[in-house]
Amino acid sequence: MHAAVLDAPGRPLRLTEIADPVPTPEQLLLSVSACGVCRTDLHLRDGELAAGHLPLVLGHQIVGRVLGGSGEAHGLADGARVGVPWLGWTCGHCRYCLSGRENLCLQARFTGCDVDGGYAELTVADARYCFPLPDGGDEDALADEHVAPLLCAGLIGYRALRMAGDATRLGLYGFGSAAHLIAQVAVHEGREVYAFTREGDRRGQAFARELGAVWAGTSTERPPEELDAALIFAPVGALVPLALRAVARGGSVVCAGIHMSDIPSFPYTDLWGERQLRSVANLTRADGEAFLALAPRVPLRTQVTTYPLAAAESALHDLRGGAFEGAAVLVP
């Protein structure tokens, strides 16, 4: 099969032919229909996160169809459409797994990091961590390339949103793939969305307003109202003090990325007043089931830019430079 392979951190992805994967008794063999391009992929490519092995096939927002494996035992017949998220395997018996916190399992393995992912024509995935998806039909919202970003950008964003509790005024720092989805969920739930973008990103601010944001500006600006909560999707530690200063007493700031640059020191007064600072780590299957059930009720509309598999490196380059709104998706 063809795959875009990471040979070493900092090196461009290489399109090559590698052996077709062979599923274990617990896995499904999948034909990849679409794979979202995530900032975590960029962190792995640049060496900001350590790959579980090299060479590595990136990609953890996979939509595919079952070609074989253990699908029948999990109610997934050959030809079934499934989604594969970042969380690819857990032990099932540690104190985190047994308390509904499998996202914190110390032995967890992650798709496109510890196990090869979806920047390829074929992949394998643990059947327990494959979400059944309805057939796409003729609706764009259900098409493979539009569903793929839901499997990480949507799921992690949804978990971050739930951590914000019942916050009415919600700030979103970094208006990319995750924020453009969660903004729609927040508006659907009757919240006010305040969008923060990088300096000079007028196009991103206009995009946020199109999706229902009541205000959009740069990350260094103070919003016109104090926020009840802020979700930080950009991997920039310097945003943490800014967000703390933008939230009201009793408000929360949630860091939603797996990697972030160092957070600069800030005075205790920025945190005081029972403000909370917390992080999101991965996702649970329960998150996935809840979010994928919610998505058609909103209904969620993803804005995607598609790239062929051979252009995976270009997609990562464009993600780094903010060349598109919404999400990038590889279509093998």
C-alpha atoms as a PDB file:
ATOM      1  CA  MET A   1       0.000   0.000   0.000  1.00  0.00           C
ATOM      2  CA  HIS A   2       0.966   3.665  -0.283  1.00  0.00           C
ATOM      3  CA  ALA A   3       1.607   5.625   2.913  1.00  0.00           C
ATOM      4  CA  ALA A   4       3.062   8.974   3.950  1.00  0.00           C
ATOM      5  CA  VAL A   5       5.800   7.998   6.397  1.00  0.00           C
ATOM      6  CA  LEU A   6       7.666   9.991   9.043  1.00  0.00           C
ATOM      7  CA  ASP A   7      11.254   8.695   9.100  1.00  0.00           C
ATOM      8  CA  ALA A   8      12.625  11.072  11.741  1.00  0.00           C
ATOM      9  CA  PRO A   9      11.475  14.196  13.600  1.00  0.00           C
ATOM     10  CA  GLY A  10      11.925  17.343  11.568  1.00  0.00           C
ATOM     11  CA  ARG A  11      12.103  15.531   8.239  1.00  0.00           C
ATOM     12  CA  PRO A  12       9.383  15.873   5.581  1.00  0.00           C
ATOM     13  CA  LEU A  13       6.933  13.016   5.252  1.00  0.00           C
ATOM     14  CA  ARG A  14       7.874  10.535   2.549  1.00  0.00           C
ATOM     15  CA  LEU A  15       5.312   8.925   0.248  1.00  0.00           C
ATOM     16  CA  THR A  16       6.293   5.319  -0.235  1.00  0.00           C
ATOM     17  CA  GLU A  17       5.023   1.779  -0.580  1.00  0.00           C
ATOM     18  CA  ILE A  18       5.022  -0.384   2.542  1.00  0.00           C
ATOM     19  CA  ALA A  19       3.624  -3.805   3.343  1.00  0.00           C
ATOM     20  CA  ASP A  20      -0.122  -4.029   3.905  1.00  0.00           C
ATOM     21  CA  PRO A  21      -0.888  -4.190   7.642  1.00  0.00           C
ATOM     22  CA  VAL A  22      -2.092  -7.486   9.081  1.00  0.00           C
ATOM     23  CA  PRO A  23      -4.707  -7.281  11.860  1.00  0.00           C
ATOM     24  CA  THR A  24      -4.287  -9.112  15.158  1.00  0.00           C
ATOM     25  CA  PRO A  25      -7.311 -11.033  16.515  1.00  0.00           C
ATOM     26  CA  GLU A  26      -8.442  -7.848  18.325  1.00  0.00           C
ATOM     27  CA  GLN A  27      -8.119  -5.542  15.312  1.00  0.00           C
ATOM     28  CA  LEU A  28      -9.983  -4.525  12.190  1.00  0.00           C
ATOM     29  CA  LEU A  29      -8.378  -4.118   8.791  1.00  0.00           C
ATOM     30  CA  LEU A  30      -9.654  -0.859   7.303  1.00  0.00           C
ATOM     31  CA  SER A  31      -9.597   0.772   3.908  1.00  0.00           C
ATOM     32  CA  VAL A  32      -8.957   4.458   4.656  1.00  0.00           C
ATOM     33  CA  SER A  33     -11.508   6.784   3.048  1.00  0.00           C
ATOM     34  CA  ALA A  34     -10.351  10.009   4.712  1.00  0.00           C
ATOM     35  CA  CYS A  35      -7.974  11.095   7.470  1.00  0.00           C
ATOM     36  CA  GLY A  36      -8.024  14.468   9.167  1.00  0.00           C
ATOM     37  CA  VAL A  37      -4.809  16.449   9.593  1.00  0.00           C
ATOM     38  CA  CYS A  38      -4.340  17.436  13.227  1.00  0.00           C
ATOM     39  CA  ARG A  39      -1.950  19.811  14.966  1.00  0.00           C
ATOM     40  CA  THR A  40      -0.797  16.806  16.999  1.00  0.00           C
ATOM     41  CA  ASP A  41       0.439  15.303  13.716  1.00  0.00           C
ATOM     42  CA  LEU A  42       2.425  18.489  13.207  1.00  0.00           C
ATOM     43  CA  HIS A  43       3.889  18.259  16.721  1.00  0.00           C
ATOM     44  CA  LEU A  44       5.013  14.683  15.968  1.00  0.00           C
ATOM     45  CA  ARG A  45       6.430  15.650  12.604  1.00  0.00           C
ATOM     46  CA  ASP A  46       8.384  18.533  14.156  1.00  0.00           C
ATOM     47  CA  GLY A  47       9.635  16.478  17.107  1.00  0.00           C
ATOM     48  CA  GLU A  48       7.725  18.428  19.776  1.00  0.00           C
ATOM     49  CA  LEU A  49       6.069  15.139  20.746  1.00  0.00           C
ATOM     50  CA  ALA A  50       7.911  11.820  20.789  1.00  0.00           C
ATOM     51  CA  ALA A  51       6.772   9.185  18.319  1.00  0.00           C
ATOM     52  CA  GLY A  52       6.180   5.715  19.723  1.00  0.00           C
ATOM     53  CA  HIS A  53       8.255   4.215  16.914  1.00  0.00           C
ATOM     54  CA  LEU A  54       9.927   5.225  13.662  1.00  0.00           C
ATOM     55  CA  PRO A  55       9.278   5.099  10.808  1.00  0.00           C
ATOM     56  CA  LEU A  56       5.688   6.062  11.641  1.00  0.00           C
ATOM     57  CA  VAL A  57       2.458   6.528   9.731  1.00  0.00           C
ATOM     58  CA  LEU A  58       0.721   9.575  11.239  1.00  0.00           C
ATOM     59  CA  GLY A  59      -3.005  10.262  11.363  1.00  0.00           C
ATOM     60  CA  HIS A  60      -5.687   9.682  13.991  1.00  0.00           C
ATOM     61  CA  GLN A  61      -8.899  11.114  12.546  1.00  0.00           C
ATOM     62  CA  ILE A  62      -9.678   8.146  10.332  1.00  0.00           C
ATOM     63  CA  VAL A  63     -12.827   7.278   8.444  1.00  0.00           C
ATOM     64  CA  GLY A  64     -12.654   3.883   6.811  1.00  0.00           C
ATOM     65  CA  ARG A  65     -14.498   0.742   5.861  1.00  0.00           C
ATOM     66  CA  VAL A  66     -14.007  -2.681   7.375  1.00  0.00           C
ATOM     67  CA  LEU A  67     -12.192  -5.110   5.105  1.00  0.00           C
ATOM     68  CA  GLY A  68     -11.746  -7.896   7.630  1.00  0.00           C
ATOM     69  CA  GLY A  69     -10.634  -8.810  11.125  1.00  0.00           C
ATOM     70  CA  SER A  70     -12.642  -9.100  14.324  1.00  0.00           C
ATOM     71  CA  GLY A  71     -15.505  -6.868  13.258  1.00  0.00           C
ATOM     72  CA  GLU A  72     -18.248  -9.481  13.515  1.00  0.00           C
ATOM     73  CA  ALA A  73     -17.540  -9.946  17.216  1.00  0.00           C
ATOM     74  CA  HIS A  74     -18.183  -6.223  17.685  1.00  0.00           C
ATOM     75  CA  GLY A  75     -21.203  -5.934  15.421  1.00  0.00           C
ATOM     76  CA  LEU A  76     -19.166  -4.520  12.535  1.00  0.00           C
ATOM     77  CA  ALA A  77     -19.606  -6.465   9.318  1.00  0.00           C
ATOM     78  CA  ASP A  78     -17.264  -6.183   6.357  1.00  0.00           C
ATOM     79  CA  GLY A  79     -18.045  -2.954   4.541  1.00  0.00           C
ATOM     80  CA  ALA A  80     -19.194  -1.133   7.693  1.00  0.00           C
ATOM     81  CA  ARG A  81     -18.064   2.495   7.962  1.00  0.00           C
ATOM     82  CA  VAL A  82     -16.174   3.314  11.155  1.00  0.00           C
ATOM     83  CA  GLY A  83     -14.245   6.177  12.725  1.00  0.00           C
ATOM     84  CA  VAL A  84     -10.905   5.759  14.492  1.00  0.00           C
ATOM     85  CA  PRO A  85      -9.870   8.374  17.107  1.00  0.00           C
ATOM     86  CA  TRP A  86      -6.610   9.316  18.881  1.00  0.00           C
ATOM     87  CA  LEU A  87      -7.130   6.871  21.761  1.00  0.00           C
ATOM     88  CA  GLY A  88      -6.299   3.525  20.200  1.00  0.00           C
ATOM     89  CA  TRP A  89      -5.900   1.077  23.096  1.00  0.00           C
ATOM     90  CA  THR A  90      -6.047   0.929  26.896  1.00  0.00           C
ATOM     91  CA  CYS A  91      -5.265  -1.800  29.391  1.00  0.00           C
ATOM     92  CA  GLY A  92      -8.797  -1.955  30.807  1.00  0.00           C
ATOM     93  CA  HIS A  93      -7.768  -2.881  34.353  1.00  0.00           C
ATOM     94  CA  CYS A  94      -5.822   0.028  35.876  1.00  0.00           C
ATOM     95  CA  ARG A  95      -7.440   2.404  38.371  1.00  0.00           C
ATOM     96  CA  TYR A  96      -8.062   4.945  35.620  1.00  0.00           C
ATOM     97  CA  CYS A  97      -9.729   2.495  33.250  1.00  0.00           C
ATOM     98  CA  LEU A  98     -11.856   1.063  36.071  1.00  0.00           C
ATOM     99  CA  SER A  99     -13.077   4.502  37.165  1.00  0.00           C
ATOM    100  CA  GLY A 100     -14.287   5.769  33.788  1.00  0.00           C
ATOM    101  CA  ARG A 101     -11.044   7.649  33.085  1.00  0.00           C
ATOM    102  CA  GLU A 102      -9.512   5.479  30.390  1.00  0.00           C
ATOM    103  CA  ASN A 103      -8.142   8.652  28.790  1.00  0.00           C
ATOM    104  CA  LEU A 104      -5.578   8.713  31.619  1.00  0.00           C
ATOM    105  CA  CYS A 105      -4.472   5.059  31.314  1.00  0.00           C
ATOM    106  CA  LEU A 106      -0.703   4.947  31.801  1.00  0.00           C
ATOM    107  CA  GLN A 107      -0.356   2.139  29.249  1.00  0.00           C
ATOM    108  CA  ALA A 108      -2.580   3.761  26.617  1.00  0.00           C
ATOM    109  CA  ARG A 109      -1.535   3.612  22.984  1.00  0.00           C
ATOM    110  CA  PHE A 110      -2.421   6.323  20.535  1.00  0.00           C
ATOM    111  CA  THR A 111      -3.321   6.128  16.870  1.00  0.00           C
ATOM    112  CA  GLY A 112      -0.735   7.653  14.579  1.00  0.00           C
ATOM    113  CA  CYS A 113       1.793   7.843  17.414  1.00  0.00           C
ATOM    114  CA  ASP A 114       2.250   4.457  19.100  1.00  0.00           C
ATOM    115  CA  VAL A 115       0.460   2.520  16.349  1.00  0.00           C
ATOM    116  CA  ASP A 116       0.478   3.418  12.667  1.00  0.00           C
ATOM    117  CA  GLY A 117      -2.376   5.666  11.631  1.00  0.00           C
ATOM    118  CA  GLY A 118      -4.373   6.830   8.656  1.00  0.00           C
ATOM    119  CA  TYR A 119      -1.946   8.658   6.358  1.00  0.00           C
ATOM    120  CA  ALA A 120      -2.169   5.521   4.236  1.00  0.00           C
ATOM    121  CA  GLU A 121      -4.473   3.520   1.996  1.00  0.00           C
ATOM    122  CA  LEU A 122      -4.976   0.824   4.654  1.00  0.00           C
ATOM    123  CA  THR A 123      -4.686   0.674   8.423  1.00  0.00           C
ATOM    124  CA  VAL A 124      -5.556  -1.554  11.374  1.00  0.00           C
ATOM    125  CA  ALA A 125      -7.290  -0.491  14.587  1.00  0.00           C
ATOM    126  CA  ASP A 126      -8.473  -2.103  17.809  1.00  0.00           C
ATOM    127  CA  ALA A 127     -12.136  -2.954  17.218  1.00  0.00           C
ATOM    128  CA  ARG A 128     -13.062  -1.670  20.711  1.00  0.00           C
ATOM    129  CA  TYR A 129     -11.906   1.817  19.710  1.00  0.00           C
ATOM    130  CA  CYS A 130     -13.708   2.066  16.382  1.00  0.00           C
ATOM    131  CA  PHE A 131     -16.913   4.095  16.350  1.00  0.00           C
ATOM    132  CA  PRO A 132     -19.686   2.853  14.037  1.00  0.00           C
ATOM    133  CA  LEU A 133     -20.669   5.592  11.583  1.00  0.00           C
ATOM    134  CA  PRO A 134     -23.813   5.875   9.446  1.00  0.00           C
ATOM    135  CA  ASP A 135     -23.342   5.620   5.709  1.00  0.00           C
ATOM    136  CA  GLY A 136     -22.706   9.026   4.186  1.00  0.00           C
ATOM    137  CA  GLY A 137     -25.391   9.013   1.525  1.00  0.00           C
ATOM    138  CA  ASP A 138     -25.720  12.246  -0.430  1.00  0.00           C
ATOM    139  CA  GLU A 139     -25.400  14.665   2.495  1.00  0.00           C
ATOM    140  CA  ASP A 140     -22.124  16.605   2.576  1.00  0.00           C
ATOM    141  CA  ALA A 141     -22.199  16.709   6.380  1.00  0.00           C
ATOM    142  CA  LEU A 142     -21.966  12.893   6.466  1.00  0.00           C
ATOM    143  CA  ALA A 143     -19.327  12.570   3.736  1.00  0.00           C
ATOM    144  CA  ASP A 144     -16.077  10.915   4.801  1.00  0.00           C
ATOM    145  CA  GLU A 145     -13.988  14.095   4.560  1.00  0.00           C
ATOM    146  CA  HIS A 146     -16.499  16.037   6.675  1.00  0.00           C
ATOM    147  CA  VAL A 147     -16.768  13.377   9.368  1.00  0.00           C
ATOM    148  CA  ALA A 148     -12.999  12.882   9.786  1.00  0.00           C
ATOM    149  CA  PRO A 149     -12.359  16.135  11.763  1.00  0.00           C
ATOM    150  CA  LEU A 150     -15.028  15.142  14.278  1.00  0.00           C
ATOM    151  CA  LEU A 151     -12.815  12.278  15.455  1.00  0.00           C
ATOM    152  CA  CYS A 152     -10.239  14.458  17.200  1.00  0.00           C
ATOM    153  CA  ALA A 153     -10.868  18.165  16.708  1.00  0.00           C
ATOM    154  CA  GLY A 154     -14.508  17.573  17.543  1.00  0.00           C
ATOM    155  CA  LEU A 155     -14.029  15.015  20.306  1.00  0.00           C
ATOM    156  CA  ILE A 156     -11.277  16.843  22.180  1.00  0.00           C
ATOM    157  CA  GLY A 157     -13.117  20.120  21.748  1.00  0.00           C
ATOM    158  CA  TYR A 158     -16.278  18.521  23.109  1.00  0.00           C
ATOM    159  CA  ARG A 159     -14.455  17.228  26.192  1.00  0.00           C
ATOM    160  CA  ALA A 160     -12.991  20.709  26.741  1.00  0.00           C
ATOM    161  CA  LEU A 161     -16.445  22.260  26.389  1.00  0.00           C
ATOM    162  CA  ARG A 162     -17.883  19.895  28.985  1.00  0.00           C
ATOM    163  CA  MET A 163     -15.102  20.998  31.367  1.00  0.00           C
ATOM    164  CA  ALA A 164     -16.373  24.558  30.979  1.00  0.00           C
ATOM    165  CA  GLY A 165     -19.564  23.508  32.733  1.00  0.00           C
ATOM    166  CA  ASP A 166     -22.557  25.778  32.189  1.00  0.00           C
ATOM    167  CA  ALA A 167     -20.488  28.818  31.177  1.00  0.00           C
ATOM    168  CA  THR A 168     -22.623  31.257  29.197  1.00  0.00           C
ATOM    169  CA  ARG A 169     -19.873  33.530  27.859  1.00  0.00           C
ATOM    170  CA  LEU A 170     -17.290  31.267  26.259  1.00  0.00           C
ATOM    171  CA  GLY A 171     -13.932  32.333  24.840  1.00  0.00           C
ATOM    172  CA  LEU A 172     -12.199  30.246  22.161  1.00  0.00           C
ATOM    173  CA  TYR A 173      -8.489  30.952  21.735  1.00  0.00           C
ATOM    174  CA  GLY A 174      -7.210  29.735  18.382  1.00  0.00           C
ATOM    175  CA  PHE A 175     -10.006  29.480  15.848  1.00  0.00           C
ATOM    176  CA  GLY A 176      -8.976  26.399  13.881  1.00  0.00           C
ATOM    177  CA  SER A 177     -10.349  22.927  13.348  1.00  0.00           C
ATOM    178  CA  ALA A 178     -11.566  22.277  16.908  1.00  0.00           C
ATOM    179  CA  ALA A 179     -12.873  25.777  17.607  1.00  0.00           C
ATOM    180  CA  HIS A 180     -14.916  25.994  14.409  1.00  0.00           C
ATOM    181  CA  LEU A 181     -16.762  22.838  15.466  1.00  0.00           C
ATOM    182  CA  ILE A 182     -17.180  23.648  19.148  1.00  0.00           C
ATOM    183  CA  ALA A 183     -18.375  27.161  18.346  1.00  0.00           C
ATOM    184  CA  GLN A 184     -21.325  25.577  16.573  1.00  0.00           C
ATOM    185  CA  VAL A 185     -22.073  23.303  19.542  1.00  0.00           C
ATOM    186  CA  ALA A 186     -21.837  26.236  21.956  1.00  0.00           C
ATOM    187  CA  VAL A 187     -24.202  28.380  19.889  1.00  0.00           C
ATOM    188  CA  HIS A 188     -26.591  25.418  19.630  1.00  0.00           C
ATOM    189  CA  GLU A 189     -26.556  25.237  23.436  1.00  0.00           C
ATOM    190  CA  GLY A 190     -27.397  28.930  23.748  1.00  0.00           C
ATOM    191  CA  ARG A 191     -23.944  30.175  24.802  1.00  0.00           C
ATOM    192  CA  GLU A 192     -22.233  33.374  23.664  1.00  0.00           C
ATOM    193  CA  VAL A 193     -19.016  32.681  21.757  1.00  0.00           C
ATOM    194  CA  TYR A 194     -16.050  35.074  21.805  1.00  0.00           C
ATOM    195  CA  ALA A 195     -13.359  34.113  19.270  1.00  0.00           C
ATOM    196  CA  PHE A 196      -9.666  34.981  19.595  1.00  0.00           C
ATOM    197  CA  THR A 197      -7.297  34.654  16.636  1.00  0.00           C
ATOM    198  CA  ARG A 198      -3.687  35.434  15.848  1.00  0.00           C
ATOM    199  CA  GLU A 199      -2.797  39.070  15.094  1.00  0.00           C
ATOM    200  CA  GLY A 200      -4.079  40.245  11.720  1.00  0.00           C
ATOM    201  CA  ASP A 201      -6.255  37.206  11.014  1.00  0.00           C
ATOM    202  CA  ARG A 202      -9.265  39.132   9.755  1.00  0.00           C
ATOM    203  CA  ARG A 203     -10.395  36.166   7.675  1.00  0.00           C
ATOM    204  CA  GLY A 204     -10.474  33.909  10.726  1.00  0.00           C
ATOM    205  CA  GLN A 205     -12.415  36.494  12.705  1.00  0.00           C
ATOM    206  CA  ALA A 206     -14.979  36.829   9.917  1.00  0.00           C
ATOM    207  CA  PHE A 207     -15.271  33.027   9.791  1.00  0.00           C
ATOM    208  CA  ALA A 208     -15.970  32.950  13.533  1.00  0.00           C
ATOM    209  CA  ARG A 209     -18.737  35.525  13.165  1.00  0.00           C
ATOM    210  CA  GLU A 210     -20.260  33.497  10.328  1.00  0.00           C
ATOM    211  CA  LEU A 211     -20.511  30.573  12.747  1.00  0.00           C
ATOM    212  CA  GLY A 212     -22.321  32.655  15.346  1.00  0.00           C
ATOM    213  CA  ALA A 213     -19.610  34.311  17.444  1.00  0.00           C
ATOM    214  CA  VAL A 214     -20.899  37.503  19.053  1.00  0.00           C
ATOM    215  CA  TRP A 215     -17.387  38.982  19.033  1.00  0.00           C
ATOM    216  CA  ALA A 216     -14.072  38.173  17.354  1.00  0.00           C
ATOM    217  CA  GLY A 217     -10.679  39.790  17.881  1.00  0.00           C
ATOM    218  CA  THR A 218      -7.023  39.042  18.496  1.00  0.00           C
ATOM    219  CA  SER A 219      -5.745  37.053  21.454  1.00  0.00           C
ATOM    220  CA  THR A 220      -4.181  40.150  23.016  1.00  0.00           C
ATOM    221  CA  GLU A 221      -7.493  42.023  23.097  1.00  0.00           C
ATOM    222  CA  ARG A 222      -9.857  42.059  26.047  1.00  0.00           C
ATOM    223  CA  PRO A 223     -13.372  40.953  25.081  1.00  0.00           C
ATOM    224  CA  PRO A 224     -16.206  43.430  25.654  1.00  0.00           C
ATOM    225  CA  GLU A 225     -17.614  41.222  28.442  1.00  0.00           C
ATOM    226  CA  GLU A 226     -15.912  39.128  31.116  1.00  0.00           C
ATOM    227  CA  LEU A 227     -15.908  35.460  30.136  1.00  0.00           C
ATOM    228  CA  ASP A 228     -17.294  32.611  32.213  1.00  0.00           C
ATOM    229  CA  ALA A 229     -14.803  30.188  30.669  1.00  0.00           C
ATOM    230  CA  ALA A 230     -12.103  30.063  28.013  1.00  0.00           C
ATOM    231  CA  LEU A 231     -10.911  27.113  25.919  1.00  0.00           C
ATOM    232  CA  ILE A 232      -7.365  27.355  24.558  1.00  0.00           C
ATOM    233  CA  PHE A 233      -6.824  25.370  21.359  1.00  0.00           C
ATOM    234  CA  ALA A 234      -3.689  27.151  20.130  1.00  0.00           C
ATOM    235  CA  PRO A 235      -0.485  25.511  21.470  1.00  0.00           C
ATOM    236  CA  VAL A 236       0.781  28.808  22.878  1.00  0.00           C
ATOM    237  CA  GLY A 237       1.503  28.965  26.612  1.00  0.00           C
ATOM    238  CA  ALA A 238       1.488  32.762  26.593  1.00  0.00           C
ATOM    239  CA  LEU A 239      -2.277  32.631  26.032  1.00  0.00           C
ATOM    240  CA  VAL A 240      -2.885  31.206  29.514  1.00  0.00           C
ATOM    241  CA  PRO A 241      -2.309  34.450  31.477  1.00  0.00           C
ATOM    242  CA  LEU A 242      -4.276  36.387  28.864  1.00  0.00           C
ATOM    243  CA  ALA A 243      -7.216  34.011  29.165  1.00  0.00           C
ATOM    244  CA  LEU A 244      -7.111  34.104  32.978  1.00  0.00           C
ATOM    245  CA  ARG A 245      -7.342  37.887  32.854  1.00  0.00           C
ATOM    246  CA  ALA A 246     -10.323  37.649  30.494  1.00  0.00           C
ATOM    247  CA  VAL A 247     -12.417  35.313  32.681  1.00  0.00           C
ATOM    248  CA  ALA A 248     -14.541  36.520  35.565  1.00  0.00           C
ATOM    249  CA  ARG A 249     -14.147  35.374  39.162  1.00  0.00           C
ATOM    250  CA  GLY A 250     -15.109  31.731  39.448  1.00  0.00           C
ATOM    251  CA  GLY A 251     -14.357  31.215  35.754  1.00  0.00           C
ATOM    252  CA  SER A 252     -12.223  28.472  34.225  1.00  0.00           C
ATOM    253  CA  VAL A 253      -9.507  28.224  31.593  1.00  0.00           C
ATOM    254  CA  VAL A 254      -9.159  24.875  29.840  1.00  0.00           C
ATOM    255  CA  CYS A 255      -6.024  24.004  27.862  1.00  0.00           C
ATOM    256  CA  ALA A 256      -7.251  21.626  25.172  1.00  0.00           C
ATOM    257  CA  GLY A 257      -4.038  20.648  23.376  1.00  0.00           C
ATOM    258  CA  ILE A 258      -1.729  17.688  23.934  1.00  0.00           C
ATOM    259  CA  HIS A 259       1.289  19.995  23.559  1.00  0.00           C
ATOM    260  CA  MET A 260       1.784  23.633  24.515  1.00  0.00           C
ATOM    261  CA  SER A 261       4.782  25.921  24.716  1.00  0.00           C
ATOM    262  CA  ASP A 262       5.878  26.910  28.207  1.00  0.00           C
ATOM    263  CA  ILE A 263       3.439  29.003  30.207  1.00  0.00           C
ATOM    264  CA  PRO A 264       5.095  32.228  31.353  1.00  0.00           C
ATOM    265  CA  SER A 265       4.935  33.235  34.992  1.00  0.00           C
ATOM    266  CA  PHE A 266       2.010  35.387  36.021  1.00  0.00           C
ATOM    267  CA  PRO A 267       0.930  37.071  39.247  1.00  0.00           C
ATOM    268  CA  TYR A 268      -1.288  35.165  41.627  1.00  0.00           C
ATOM    269  CA  THR A 269      -3.931  37.863  41.265  1.00  0.00           C
ATOM    270  CA  ASP A 270      -4.639  36.538  37.731  1.00  0.00           C
ATOM    271  CA  LEU A 271      -5.673  33.192  39.236  1.00  0.00           C
ATOM    272  CA  TRP A 272      -7.179  34.462  42.458  1.00  0.00           C
ATOM    273  CA  GLY A 273     -10.957  34.781  42.779  1.00  0.00           C
ATOM    274  CA  GLU A 274     -11.521  31.016  42.483  1.00  0.00           C
ATOM    275  CA  ARG A 275     -10.532  30.931  38.838  1.00  0.00           C
ATOM    276  CA  GLN A 276      -9.544  27.457  37.649  1.00  0.00           C
ATOM    277  CA  LEU A 277      -6.838  26.322  35.234  1.00  0.00           C
ATOM    278  CA  ARG A 278      -6.988  22.762  33.915  1.00  0.00           C
ATOM    279  CA  SER A 279      -6.056  20.598  30.952  1.00  0.00           C
ATOM    280  CA  VAL A 280      -7.716  18.048  28.710  1.00  0.00           C
ATOM    281  CA  ALA A 281      -5.977  14.713  28.204  1.00  0.00           C
ATOM    282  CA  ASN A 282      -7.145  12.596  25.287  1.00  0.00           C
ATOM    283  CA  LEU A 283     -10.733  11.314  25.182  1.00  0.00           C
ATOM    284  CA  THR A 284     -12.875   8.423  26.334  1.00  0.00           C
ATOM    285  CA  ARG A 285     -15.147   6.218  24.259  1.00  0.00           C
ATOM    286  CA  ALA A 286     -18.062   7.722  26.168  1.00  0.00           C
ATOM    287  CA  ASP A 287     -17.003  11.164  24.887  1.00  0.00           C
ATOM    288  CA  GLY A 288     -17.062   9.800  21.356  1.00  0.00           C
ATOM    289  CA  GLU A 289     -20.459   8.197  21.653  1.00  0.00           C
ATOM    290  CA  ALA A 290     -22.010  11.332  23.168  1.00  0.00           C
ATOM    291  CA  PHE A 291     -20.447  13.743  20.687  1.00  0.00           C
ATOM    292  CA  LEU A 292     -21.199  11.696  17.574  1.00  0.00           C
ATOM    293  CA  ALA A 293     -24.821  11.442  18.706  1.00  0.00           C
ATOM    294  CA  LEU A 294     -24.951  15.219  19.232  1.00  0.00           C
ATOM    295  CA  ALA A 295     -23.311  16.217  15.927  1.00  0.00           C
ATOM    296  CA  PRO A 296     -26.335  15.587  13.649  1.00  0.00           C
ATOM    297  CA  ARG A 297     -28.681  17.342  16.073  1.00  0.00           C
ATOM    298  CA  VAL A 298     -26.735  20.635  15.951  1.00  0.00           C
ATOM    299  CA  PRO A 299     -26.222  19.935  13.000  1.00  0.00           C
ATOM    300  CA  LEU A 300     -22.461  20.326  12.729  1.00  0.00           C
ATOM    301  CA  ARG A 301     -20.988  21.583   9.472  1.00  0.00           C
ATOM    302  CA  THR A 302     -17.266  21.152   8.957  1.00  0.00           C
ATOM    303  CA  GLN A 303     -15.304  23.361   6.608  1.00  0.00           C
ATOM    304  CA  VAL A 304     -12.583  21.260   5.044  1.00  0.00           C
ATOM    305  CA  THR A 305      -9.732  21.608   2.595  1.00  0.00           C
ATOM    306  CA  THR A 306      -8.857  18.266   1.038  1.00  0.00           C
ATOM    307  CA  TYR A 307      -5.421  17.062  -0.036  1.00  0.00           C
ATOM    308  CA  PRO A 308      -4.340  13.849  -1.777  1.00  0.00           C
ATOM    309  CA  LEU A 309      -2.221  11.463   0.268  1.00  0.00           C
ATOM    310  CA  ALA A 310       0.853  12.461  -1.748  1.00  0.00           C
ATOM    311  CA  ALA A 311       0.423  16.041  -0.460  1.00  0.00           C
ATOM    312  CA  ALA A 312       0.431  15.148   3.264  1.00  0.00           C
ATOM    313  CA  GLU A 313       3.554  17.231   3.891  1.00  0.00           C
ATOM    314  CA  SER A 314       1.951  20.198   2.126  1.00  0.00           C
ATOM    315  CA  ALA A 315      -1.142  19.841   4.310  1.00  0.00           C
ATOM    316  CA  LEU A 316       1.009  20.002   7.443  1.00  0.00           C
ATOM    317  CA  HIS A 317       2.862  23.028   6.059  1.00  0.00           C
ATOM    318  CA  ASP A 318      -0.426  24.799   5.372  1.00  0.00           C
ATOM    319  CA  LEU A 319      -1.703  23.934   8.847  1.00  0.00           C
ATOM    320  CA  ARG A 320       1.411  25.471  10.390  1.00  0.00           C
ATOM    321  CA  GLY A 321       0.940  28.649   8.383  1.00  0.00           C
ATOM    322  CA  GLY A 322      -2.814  29.001   8.908  1.00  0.00           C
ATOM    323  CA  ALA A 323      -3.440  28.785   5.170  1.00  0.00           C
ATOM    324  CA  PHE A 324      -7.042  27.529   5.453  1.00  0.00           C
ATOM    325  CA  GLU A 325     -10.108  27.915   7.632  1.00  0.00           C
ATOM    326  CA  GLY A 326     -11.522  24.896   9.415  1.00  0.00           C
ATOM    327  CA  ALA A 327      -9.803  21.546   8.911  1.00  0.00           C
ATOM    328  CA  ALA A 328      -7.512  19.796   6.422  1.00  0.00           C
ATOM    329  CA  VAL A 329      -8.292  16.236   5.361  1.00  0.00           C
ATOM    330  CA  LEU A 330      -6.274  13.713   3.378  1.00  0.00           C
ATOM    331  CA  VAL A 331      -8.252  11.670   0.871  1.00  0.00           C
ATOM    332  CA  PRO A 332      -6.166   8.665  -0.247  1.00  0.00           C
END
